[in-house]
Amino acid sequence: MFNKRVKIKELLASETTGQEVVVMGWVRTFRNNQFIALNDGSTNNNLQVVVELGMLDEPTLKRITTSASLKVTGQVVASQGKGQKIEVKATLVEILGDSDAEVYPLQPKKHSLEFLREKAHLRFRTNTFGAIFRVRHSLAFAVHKFFHEKGFVYMHTPIITASDAEGAGEMFRVTTLPMDNAPKNEDGSIDFKEDFFGRSTNLTVSGQLEGELAATAFSEIYTFGPTFRAENSNTARHLAEFWMIEPEMAFYDIEDNMNLAEEFIKYLIRFAMDNNREDLEFLAQRLTEEEKQLPQDKRSEMGLIEKLEFVLNNDFERITYTEAIDILLNSPAYKKKKFQYEVKWGVDMQSEHERYLVEKHFKKPVIVTGYPKAIKSFYMRENEDGKTVAAMDILAPGIGEIVGGSQREERLDKLTKRMEELHIPADEMWWYLDTRRFGTVPHAGFGLGFERMVLFVTGMTNIRDVIAFPRTPKSAEF
């Protein structure tokens, strides 16, 4: 059997000497025709493979280059060098795949994140991206573990949909109609009756509406899948394709919703801390080194590990939107005209406002509730004042909004009235309104942008660095 190998992470952890092992991986460095640093992606730590001088012929030695893949059979021995307790004394070295050192783009040196984005197909092989994507894996696993342990049902909601859950209209259209000669109606509009689904369809912006249908049968469900926004935002926080976690819970109000979201975020952080400590410590060190280039006032007040532990050990601050606006209006930043965007009751807070609240004022995550009805979606439950809705956003340091949610409007008359105000056709949403006709219940839910969660836990500053192949305006290379 070919693949009777030991993973490097397991081998380094065991520290047992004397046994013969088979290891496979990619060459990071090869020194003095004798010392191979081998890595298989299971950990950032390399295994030192020692090749006795004279064991390999000259042509084979020349093929052991950065990123060549090897199969090594050898004896585990105590290491004579610094930095590792064991190494493998090779008895057989087989080259599985060559790598031309002259053209391989990732040489053993420090590369900028911008450069690595252009080499997204290879950047997993660097220590930084190895750590990020092992953490991302753990967080994804923890999502399912959290909800499974609470008895939630995992739903796969459609990627192709005819509805715009957010009402923003920033959607990617899905069609089989010919681009150069689409059939037209008499008024010149496209005749979608000729299309594959017989109507206009798009890539989903949210699985929430379908999730609500399931919650009115199973009580508690969650979705975890890709979502798409055709929003022309070239920022460090936006992607056109990203992953969303969206639980929906029957018999929940806004407070239940906030409690679950806070518990969920802390669970994910704790899971990564318990299972990816080595990777997080590497990323923390990387962040510290990177911030040394910044002026003192731009550096984080806490290291990455310290920040994560602080979030775990403290309750999130809870304030209303009205209180948030008051804090911003009375802030030194507002008085010194440091905000780029307007601050007044009724406007949607921008990232700079959200980050001021969490990073400067409270210095911890903040949950904001009671947003103005006019700036929120049609499905959010209207509060007694008639001006605000039972919405909640969780704001995180370094990112701004990480969670958005609400208690949903369960009252049919209120919901249909709001849809009329926003010109959302009730006849096209009949299936959604049926949940309010047949056994409606108070219910709530939220969406957590998975990449923003990974961004927060890894300490990275650009969302394009925490998803394998980022989709952004004018960028779909890989």
Protein backbone atom coordinates (compact mmCIF):
# COMPACT_ATOMS: atom_id res chain seq x y z
CA MET A 1 0.00 0.00 0.00
CA PHE A 2 1.48 3.31 -1.12
CA ASN A 3 0.12 5.65 1.54
CA LYS A 4 1.35 4.06 4.78
CA ARG A 5 2.65 7.39 5.96
CA VAL A 6 2.80 9.25 9.25
CA LYS A 7 1.67 12.85 9.29
CA ILE A 8 4.40 15.25 10.34
CA LYS A 9 2.24 16.83 13.05
CA GLU A 10 1.68 13.43 14.70
CA LEU A 11 5.34 12.49 14.41
CA LEU A 12 6.58 15.73 15.98
CA ALA A 13 4.02 15.44 18.79
CA SER A 14 4.95 11.87 19.69
CA GLU A 15 8.70 12.53 20.07
CA THR A 16 9.21 8.75 20.09
CA THR A 17 12.53 7.58 18.64
CA GLY A 18 13.71 4.27 17.22
CA GLN A 19 10.87 3.37 14.85
CA GLU A 20 11.00 3.28 11.06
CA VAL A 21 8.52 5.66 9.41
CA VAL A 22 7.35 6.79 5.99
CA VAL A 23 6.74 10.54 5.63
CA MET A 24 5.67 12.48 2.57
CA GLY A 25 5.54 16.18 1.88
CA TRP A 26 6.99 19.15 0.06
CA VAL A 27 10.50 20.50 0.45
CA ARG A 28 10.68 23.86 2.16
CA THR A 29 14.49 24.10 2.17
CA PHE A 30 17.50 21.85 1.46
CA ARG A 31 20.78 22.79 3.13
CA ASN A 32 24.31 21.50 2.57
CA ASN A 33 23.03 18.58 0.45
CA GLN A 34 22.15 17.01 3.81
CA PHE A 35 19.24 18.64 5.67
CA ILE A 36 15.75 18.66 4.16
CA ALA A 37 12.99 20.68 5.82
CA LEU A 38 9.86 18.72 4.88
CA ASN A 39 6.27 19.92 5.34
CA ASP A 40 3.00 18.11 4.60
CA GLY A 41 0.52 20.85 5.59
CA SER A 42 -0.60 19.20 8.84
CA THR A 43 1.38 21.81 10.81
CA ASN A 44 3.58 24.83 10.16
CA ASN A 45 6.47 22.99 11.77
CA ASN A 46 8.83 21.25 9.36
CA LEU A 47 10.34 17.84 9.90
CA GLN A 48 14.08 17.71 9.48
CA VAL A 49 15.16 14.84 7.25
CA VAL A 50 18.88 14.05 7.37
CA VAL A 51 20.46 12.54 4.26
CA GLU A 52 23.91 11.01 4.75
CA LEU A 53 26.54 12.46 2.43
CA GLY A 54 27.06 10.10 -0.48
CA MET A 55 23.69 8.36 -0.07
CA LEU A 56 22.11 10.14 -3.07
CA ASP A 57 23.71 10.67 -6.47
CA GLU A 58 24.29 14.15 -7.88
CA PRO A 59 21.27 14.18 -10.29
CA THR A 60 18.90 13.26 -7.42
CA LEU A 61 20.38 15.89 -5.11
CA LYS A 62 19.75 18.54 -7.78
CA ARG A 63 16.08 17.53 -7.94
CA ILE A 64 15.53 18.20 -4.21
CA THR A 65 14.39 21.80 -4.63
CA THR A 66 11.87 24.07 -2.90
CA SER A 67 8.35 22.59 -3.30
CA ALA A 68 9.48 19.30 -4.84
CA SER A 69 7.45 16.47 -3.29
CA LEU A 70 9.18 13.56 -1.57
CA LYS A 71 8.49 10.20 -0.03
CA VAL A 72 11.04 9.51 2.70
CA THR A 73 11.57 6.26 4.55
CA GLY A 74 13.81 6.43 7.56
CA GLN A 75 14.55 6.04 11.23
CA VAL A 76 13.26 8.49 13.87
CA VAL A 77 16.23 9.67 15.94
CA ALA A 78 16.87 12.35 18.55
CA SER A 79 17.83 15.59 16.85
CA GLN A 80 21.31 16.96 17.21
CA GLY A 81 20.26 20.45 16.10
CA LYS A 82 18.29 23.22 17.76
CA GLY A 83 14.57 23.78 17.24
CA GLN A 84 13.37 20.18 17.08
CA LYS A 85 13.54 17.18 19.38
CA ILE A 86 13.42 14.50 16.70
CA GLU A 87 14.43 14.13 13.07
CA VAL A 88 14.31 11.37 10.47
CA LYS A 89 17.52 9.76 9.30
CA ALA A 90 16.66 8.81 5.72
CA THR A 91 17.27 5.32 4.36
CA LEU A 92 15.31 5.93 1.14
CA VAL A 93 14.34 9.19 -0.61
CA GLU A 94 11.93 9.03 -3.54
CA ILE A 95 11.05 12.12 -5.55
CA LEU A 96 7.31 12.11 -6.30
CA GLY A 97 7.17 15.44 -8.15
CA ASP A 98 9.82 17.86 -9.37
CA SER A 99 9.68 21.62 -8.89
CA ASP A 100 11.80 23.85 -11.11
CA ALA A 101 13.49 26.19 -8.64
CA GLU A 102 14.11 28.77 -11.38
CA VAL A 103 10.41 29.36 -12.05
CA TYR A 104 8.68 28.35 -8.79
CA PRO A 105 7.23 31.71 -7.61
CA LEU A 106 7.32 31.18 -3.83
CA GLN A 107 10.93 31.23 -2.79
CA PRO A 108 11.88 30.66 0.87
CA LYS A 109 11.58 34.32 1.85
CA LYS A 110 8.91 36.72 3.07
CA HIS A 111 6.29 37.61 0.44
CA SER A 112 3.70 40.38 0.68
CA LEU A 113 0.03 39.42 1.06
CA GLU A 114 -0.71 41.36 -2.16
CA PHE A 115 1.80 39.23 -4.07
CA LEU A 116 0.37 36.04 -2.59
CA ARG A 117 -3.18 37.00 -3.68
CA GLU A 118 -1.87 36.90 -7.23
CA LYS A 119 -0.59 33.37 -6.52
CA ALA A 120 -3.71 32.14 -4.73
CA HIS A 121 -3.28 28.66 -6.21
CA LEU A 122 0.03 28.26 -4.36
CA ARG A 123 -0.31 30.47 -1.30
CA PHE A 124 -1.64 27.58 0.85
CA ARG A 125 1.98 26.37 0.94
CA THR A 126 3.12 29.35 3.00
CA ASN A 127 3.09 29.30 6.80
CA THR A 128 0.64 32.20 7.03
CA PHE A 129 -1.98 30.62 4.80
CA GLY A 130 -1.40 27.16 6.21
CA ALA A 131 -2.30 28.55 9.65
CA ILE A 132 -5.29 30.56 8.36
CA PHE A 133 -6.91 27.67 6.55
CA ARG A 134 -6.40 25.17 9.35
CA VAL A 135 -8.15 27.68 11.65
CA ARG A 136 -10.88 28.17 9.04
CA HIS A 137 -11.43 24.40 8.94
CA SER A 138 -11.75 24.23 12.73
CA LEU A 139 -14.23 27.10 12.81
CA ALA A 140 -16.37 25.44 10.10
CA PHE A 141 -16.36 22.17 12.05
CA ALA A 142 -17.25 24.04 15.25
CA VAL A 143 -20.27 25.67 13.54
CA HIS A 144 -21.83 22.28 12.91
CA LYS A 145 -20.80 20.95 16.32
CA PHE A 146 -22.41 23.89 18.15
CA PHE A 147 -25.78 23.61 16.42
CA HIS A 148 -25.81 19.81 16.44
CA GLU A 149 -25.28 19.77 20.19
CA LYS A 150 -28.26 22.15 20.58
CA GLY A 151 -30.56 19.97 18.46
CA PHE A 152 -30.76 22.30 15.45
CA VAL A 153 -31.57 20.80 12.03
CA TYR A 154 -29.09 21.63 9.25
CA MET A 155 -30.92 22.86 6.13
CA HIS A 156 -29.52 23.25 2.62
CA THR A 157 -31.33 26.25 1.22
CA PRO A 158 -31.27 26.94 -2.55
CA ILE A 159 -28.38 28.72 -4.23
CA ILE A 160 -30.59 29.65 -7.19
CA THR A 161 -33.64 31.62 -6.08
CA ALA A 162 -36.29 33.97 -7.42
CA SER A 163 -36.40 36.13 -4.29
CA ASP A 164 -34.22 38.99 -3.08
CA ALA A 165 -34.20 38.39 0.68
CA GLU A 166 -32.46 41.69 1.45
CA GLY A 167 -34.45 43.81 -1.00
CA ALA A 168 -31.24 45.54 -2.13
CA GLY A 169 -31.32 44.32 -5.73
CA GLU A 170 -27.57 43.60 -5.82
CA MET A 171 -27.84 40.13 -7.32
CA PHE A 172 -26.09 37.96 -9.87
CA ARG A 173 -28.61 36.85 -12.49
CA VAL A 174 -28.83 33.19 -13.50
CA THR A 175 -30.03 32.58 -17.06
CA THR A 176 -29.74 30.27 -20.06
CA LEU A 177 -31.08 32.91 -22.44
CA PRO A 178 -28.71 33.95 -25.26
CA MET A 179 -26.76 37.03 -24.21
CA ASP A 180 -26.83 38.61 -27.67
CA ASN A 181 -30.44 37.87 -28.61
CA ALA A 182 -32.67 37.50 -25.54
CA PRO A 183 -36.42 37.16 -26.24
CA LYS A 184 -38.33 40.37 -25.52
CA ASN A 185 -41.84 41.29 -24.40
CA GLU A 186 -43.84 43.89 -26.30
CA ASP A 187 -42.62 46.61 -23.93
CA GLY A 188 -38.98 45.72 -24.68
CA SER A 189 -38.29 43.94 -21.38
CA ILE A 190 -36.73 40.47 -21.37
CA ASP A 191 -39.26 37.63 -21.64
CA PHE A 192 -38.15 35.28 -18.90
CA LYS A 193 -40.89 32.78 -19.76
CA GLU A 194 -38.39 31.48 -22.32
CA ASP A 195 -35.70 31.04 -19.64
CA PHE A 196 -34.77 27.74 -17.95
CA PHE A 197 -36.92 28.35 -14.85
CA GLY A 198 -39.60 30.32 -16.69
CA ARG A 199 -38.91 33.40 -14.59
CA SER A 200 -36.10 35.72 -13.54
CA THR A 201 -33.70 33.97 -11.12
CA ASN A 202 -30.51 34.91 -9.32
CA LEU A 203 -27.81 33.58 -7.01
CA THR A 204 -28.99 33.75 -3.43
CA VAL A 205 -28.12 36.69 -1.19
CA SER A 206 -29.41 34.82 1.89
CA GLY A 207 -31.02 31.54 2.89
CA GLN A 208 -33.05 33.28 5.58
CA LEU A 209 -36.53 33.27 4.04
CA GLU A 210 -36.36 29.56 3.25
CA GLY A 211 -34.84 29.00 6.69
CA GLU A 212 -37.88 30.62 8.29
CA LEU A 213 -40.12 28.09 6.53
CA ALA A 214 -38.15 25.22 8.04
CA ALA A 215 -38.06 26.81 11.52
CA THR A 216 -41.88 26.82 11.58
CA ALA A 217 -41.73 23.03 11.41
CA PHE A 218 -38.53 21.99 13.21
CA SER A 219 -38.40 24.91 15.70
CA GLU A 220 -34.64 25.45 15.28
CA ILE A 221 -32.62 25.17 12.08
CA TYR A 222 -29.45 26.60 10.62
CA THR A 223 -27.96 27.02 7.17
CA PHE A 224 -24.28 27.27 6.27
CA GLY A 225 -23.59 27.94 2.63
CA PRO A 226 -22.38 30.31 -0.05
CA THR A 227 -24.15 33.62 -0.67
CA PHE A 228 -23.60 36.17 -3.39
CA ARG A 229 -23.79 39.97 -3.55
CA ALA A 230 -23.19 41.88 -6.78
CA GLU A 231 -22.10 44.89 -4.77
CA ASN A 232 -19.29 46.89 -6.36
CA SER A 233 -17.35 47.25 -3.09
CA ASN A 234 -13.59 47.09 -3.39
CA THR A 235 -12.87 47.09 0.33
CA ALA A 236 -10.96 44.90 2.78
CA ARG A 237 -14.32 43.74 4.26
CA HIS A 238 -16.39 42.80 1.20
CA LEU A 239 -16.57 39.78 -1.11
CA ALA A 240 -18.95 39.01 -3.97
CA GLU A 241 -19.05 35.34 -2.91
CA PHE A 242 -18.88 34.47 0.77
CA TRP A 243 -20.21 31.94 3.27
CA MET A 244 -23.02 32.67 5.70
CA ILE A 245 -24.29 30.88 8.79
CA GLU A 246 -27.98 31.62 9.32
CA PRO A 247 -29.89 30.06 12.23
CA GLU A 248 -33.64 30.56 12.48
CA MET A 249 -35.48 29.80 15.72
CA ALA A 250 -39.20 29.53 16.41
CA PHE A 251 -40.35 30.67 19.87
CA TYR A 252 -37.41 33.12 20.18
CA ASP A 253 -37.58 36.86 20.79
CA ILE A 254 -34.85 39.44 20.19
CA GLU A 255 -33.21 38.81 23.58
CA ASP A 256 -33.09 35.04 22.99
CA ASN A 257 -31.55 35.83 19.62
CA MET A 258 -28.81 38.02 21.13
CA ASN A 259 -28.02 35.43 23.78
CA LEU A 260 -27.62 32.66 21.20
CA ALA A 261 -25.45 34.79 18.90
CA GLU A 262 -23.10 35.78 21.73
CA GLU A 263 -22.85 32.18 22.93
CA PHE A 264 -22.18 31.02 19.36
CA ILE A 265 -19.35 33.48 18.73
CA LYS A 266 -17.68 32.58 22.02
CA TYR A 267 -18.03 28.86 21.26
CA LEU A 268 -16.27 29.26 17.91
CA ILE A 269 -13.43 31.27 19.43
CA ARG A 270 -12.98 28.78 22.26
CA PHE A 271 -12.92 25.85 19.83
CA ALA A 272 -10.17 27.47 17.76
CA MET A 273 -8.21 28.35 20.91
CA ASP A 274 -8.43 24.75 22.12
CA ASN A 275 -7.67 23.07 18.79
CA ASN A 276 -5.44 25.50 16.87
CA ARG A 277 -3.31 27.10 19.56
CA GLU A 278 -0.09 26.61 17.62
CA ASP A 279 -1.53 28.25 14.48
CA LEU A 280 -3.01 31.14 16.47
CA GLU A 281 0.30 31.77 18.23
CA PHE A 282 2.02 31.88 14.84
CA LEU A 283 -0.59 34.35 13.53
CA ALA A 284 -0.31 36.43 16.70
CA GLN A 285 3.45 36.70 16.21
CA ARG A 286 2.94 37.58 12.55
CA LEU A 287 0.48 40.35 13.51
CA THR A 288 2.89 41.77 16.09
CA GLU A 289 5.69 41.88 13.50
CA GLU A 290 3.42 43.52 10.93
CA GLU A 291 2.21 46.18 13.36
CA LYS A 292 5.78 47.22 14.20
CA GLN A 293 5.71 49.05 10.85
CA LEU A 294 2.70 51.13 11.96
CA PRO A 295 2.67 54.28 14.09
CA GLN A 296 1.89 53.64 17.77
CA ASP A 297 -1.70 54.95 17.58
CA LYS A 298 -2.52 52.52 14.73
CA ARG A 299 -1.36 49.41 16.59
CA SER A 300 -3.71 47.04 18.39
CA GLU A 301 -3.95 47.58 22.13
CA MET A 302 -4.01 43.82 22.66
CA GLY A 303 -2.21 40.93 21.00
CA LEU A 304 -4.32 38.43 19.06
CA ILE A 305 -4.44 35.76 21.80
CA GLU A 306 -5.09 38.40 24.45
CA LYS A 307 -7.95 39.86 22.37
CA LEU A 308 -9.59 36.45 21.89
CA GLU A 309 -9.32 35.64 25.58
CA PHE A 310 -10.76 39.05 26.46
CA VAL A 311 -13.80 38.40 24.24
CA LEU A 312 -14.30 34.99 25.85
CA ASN A 313 -14.10 36.37 29.39
CA ASN A 314 -16.37 39.41 29.04
CA ASP A 315 -20.05 39.92 28.32
CA PHE A 316 -20.80 41.81 25.11
CA GLU A 317 -22.00 45.37 25.68
CA ARG A 318 -25.68 45.85 24.75
CA ILE A 319 -26.98 49.27 23.68
CA THR A 320 -29.78 50.65 21.53
CA TYR A 321 -29.20 52.35 18.21
CA THR A 322 -30.38 55.62 19.79
CA GLU A 323 -27.77 55.27 22.55
CA ALA A 324 -25.12 54.49 19.92
CA ILE A 325 -25.91 57.65 17.96
CA ASP A 326 -25.77 59.71 21.17
CA ILE A 327 -22.34 58.26 22.00
CA LEU A 328 -21.08 59.09 18.50
CA LEU A 329 -22.47 62.64 18.57
CA ASN A 330 -20.76 63.27 21.92
CA SER A 331 -17.47 61.65 20.90
CA PRO A 332 -14.20 63.56 20.46
CA ALA A 333 -13.95 62.01 16.98
CA TYR A 334 -17.25 63.62 15.93
CA LYS A 335 -16.43 66.96 17.52
CA LYS A 336 -13.06 67.02 15.77
CA LYS A 337 -14.77 66.10 12.45
CA LYS A 338 -12.81 62.85 12.15
CA PHE A 339 -15.76 60.84 10.83
CA GLN A 340 -16.02 60.71 7.06
CA TYR A 341 -19.73 59.84 7.10
CA GLU A 342 -22.68 61.70 8.62
CA VAL A 343 -23.88 60.90 12.14
CA LYS A 344 -27.53 61.52 12.96
CA TRP A 345 -30.53 59.51 14.08
CA GLY A 346 -31.98 57.65 11.10
CA VAL A 347 -28.80 57.01 9.12
CA ASP A 348 -27.19 53.60 8.80
CA MET A 349 -23.98 53.48 10.82
CA GLN A 350 -20.86 53.05 8.72
CA SER A 351 -17.89 50.84 9.56
CA GLU A 352 -15.98 53.82 11.03
CA HIS A 353 -18.84 54.45 13.48
CA GLU A 354 -19.15 50.78 14.42
CA ARG A 355 -15.42 50.46 14.97
CA TYR A 356 -15.34 53.62 17.10
CA LEU A 357 -17.97 52.11 19.40
CA VAL A 358 -16.14 48.80 19.88
CA GLU A 359 -12.49 49.89 19.65
CA LYS A 360 -12.47 53.32 21.28
CA HIS A 361 -15.57 53.65 23.46
CA PHE A 362 -16.42 50.21 24.89
CA LYS A 363 -13.24 48.35 23.86
CA LYS A 364 -15.15 45.09 23.46
CA PRO A 365 -17.84 43.59 21.17
CA VAL A 366 -21.11 45.51 21.18
CA ILE A 367 -24.68 44.43 20.35
CA VAL A 368 -26.78 47.27 18.96
CA THR A 369 -30.59 46.90 18.92
CA GLY A 370 -33.64 48.95 17.96
CA TYR A 371 -32.64 50.29 14.54
CA PRO A 372 -34.87 52.72 12.62
CA LYS A 373 -37.49 50.87 10.60
CA ALA A 374 -36.70 52.92 7.49
CA ILE A 375 -33.16 51.51 7.10
CA LYS A 376 -33.96 47.85 7.81
CA SER A 377 -35.52 44.98 5.86
CA PHE A 378 -39.24 44.32 5.51
CA TYR A 379 -39.25 41.13 7.60
CA MET A 380 -38.03 42.71 10.87
CA ARG A 381 -40.56 43.02 13.69
CA GLU A 382 -41.85 46.53 14.29
CA ASN A 383 -41.43 47.81 17.85
CA GLU A 384 -44.22 49.45 19.83
CA ASP A 385 -42.90 52.95 19.03
CA GLY A 386 -43.68 52.42 15.33
CA LYS A 387 -40.30 53.93 14.39
CA THR A 388 -37.85 51.14 15.20
CA VAL A 389 -37.58 47.41 14.64
CA ALA A 390 -36.35 44.51 16.77
CA ALA A 391 -33.06 44.26 14.88
CA MET A 392 -29.66 43.51 16.33
CA ASP A 393 -26.12 43.82 14.97
CA ILE A 394 -23.02 42.52 16.70
CA LEU A 395 -19.99 44.73 16.17
CA ALA A 396 -16.48 43.32 16.60
CA PRO A 397 -13.11 45.05 17.04
CA GLY A 398 -11.18 45.45 13.80
CA ILE A 399 -14.15 44.55 11.61
CA GLY A 400 -17.37 46.30 12.53
CA GLU A 401 -20.53 44.30 11.87
CA ILE A 402 -19.97 40.55 12.17
CA VAL A 403 -23.57 39.47 12.86
CA GLY A 404 -26.87 40.93 11.68
CA GLY A 405 -30.21 39.61 12.87
CA SER A 406 -33.67 40.36 14.12
CA GLN A 407 -36.86 39.11 15.59
CA ARG A 408 -38.98 38.43 12.51
CA GLU A 409 -42.38 40.04 11.97
CA GLU A 410 -44.82 37.22 12.75
CA ARG A 411 -48.00 39.35 12.48
CA LEU A 412 -49.50 38.92 9.02
CA ASP A 413 -51.18 42.33 8.89
CA LYS A 414 -48.00 44.19 9.92
CA LEU A 415 -45.87 42.19 7.48
CA THR A 416 -48.15 42.71 4.46
CA LYS A 417 -48.44 46.43 5.24
CA ARG A 418 -44.66 46.76 5.35
CA MET A 419 -44.32 44.87 2.07
CA GLU A 420 -46.82 47.24 0.46
CA GLU A 421 -44.80 50.24 1.69
CA LEU A 422 -41.66 48.81 0.08
CA HIS A 423 -43.48 47.65 -3.08
CA ILE A 424 -42.64 43.99 -2.48
CA PRO A 425 -45.27 41.96 -4.41
CA ALA A 426 -47.23 39.81 -1.94
CA ASP A 427 -48.42 37.48 -4.73
CA GLU A 428 -44.81 36.43 -5.43
CA MET A 429 -44.16 35.88 -1.72
CA TRP A 430 -47.32 33.84 -1.02
CA TRP A 431 -45.25 30.90 0.24
CA TYR A 432 -43.50 33.10 2.80
CA LEU A 433 -46.75 34.68 3.98
CA ASP A 434 -48.28 31.23 4.47
CA THR A 435 -46.07 30.75 7.53
CA ARG A 436 -47.94 33.68 9.08
CA ARG A 437 -51.31 32.31 8.01
CA PHE A 438 -50.91 28.78 9.34
CA GLY A 439 -49.70 28.73 12.94
CA THR A 440 -47.53 31.82 13.13
CA VAL A 441 -45.17 32.10 16.11
CA PRO A 442 -42.70 34.65 17.47
CA HIS A 443 -39.39 33.75 15.84
CA ALA A 444 -35.95 35.21 15.29
CA GLY A 445 -32.67 34.57 13.54
CA PHE A 446 -29.35 36.04 12.51
CA GLY A 447 -26.64 35.78 9.90
CA LEU A 448 -22.95 35.52 10.67
CA GLY A 449 -20.53 36.19 7.82
CA PHE A 450 -18.15 33.27 8.11
CA GLU A 451 -15.18 35.05 6.51
CA ARG A 452 -15.57 37.96 8.92
CA MET A 453 -15.46 35.45 11.79
CA VAL A 454 -12.29 33.89 10.37
CA LEU A 455 -10.86 37.41 9.94
CA PHE A 456 -11.53 38.18 13.59
CA VAL A 457 -10.05 34.94 14.95
CA THR A 458 -6.93 34.96 12.76
CA GLY A 459 -6.17 38.67 13.17
CA MET A 460 -5.90 39.17 9.41
CA THR A 461 -6.91 42.56 8.08
CA ASN A 462 -8.16 41.77 4.56
CA ILE A 463 -11.09 39.44 3.93
CA ARG A 464 -9.48 38.26 0.68
CA ASP A 465 -6.86 36.48 2.78
CA VAL A 466 -9.27 34.20 4.66
CA ILE A 467 -11.11 32.62 1.71
CA ALA A 468 -9.34 30.31 -0.69
CA PHE A 469 -10.17 32.05 -3.96
CA PRO A 470 -11.65 35.52 -3.36
CA ARG A 471 -14.34 36.79 -5.72
CA THR A 472 -14.28 40.58 -5.90
CA PRO A 473 -15.03 43.17 -8.63
CA LYS A 474 -12.91 42.40 -11.74
CA SER A 475 -11.36 39.37 -10.01
CA ALA A 476 -12.21 35.74 -10.80
CA GLU A 477 -8.80 34.50 -11.87
CA PHE A 478 -8.68 31.10 -10.20
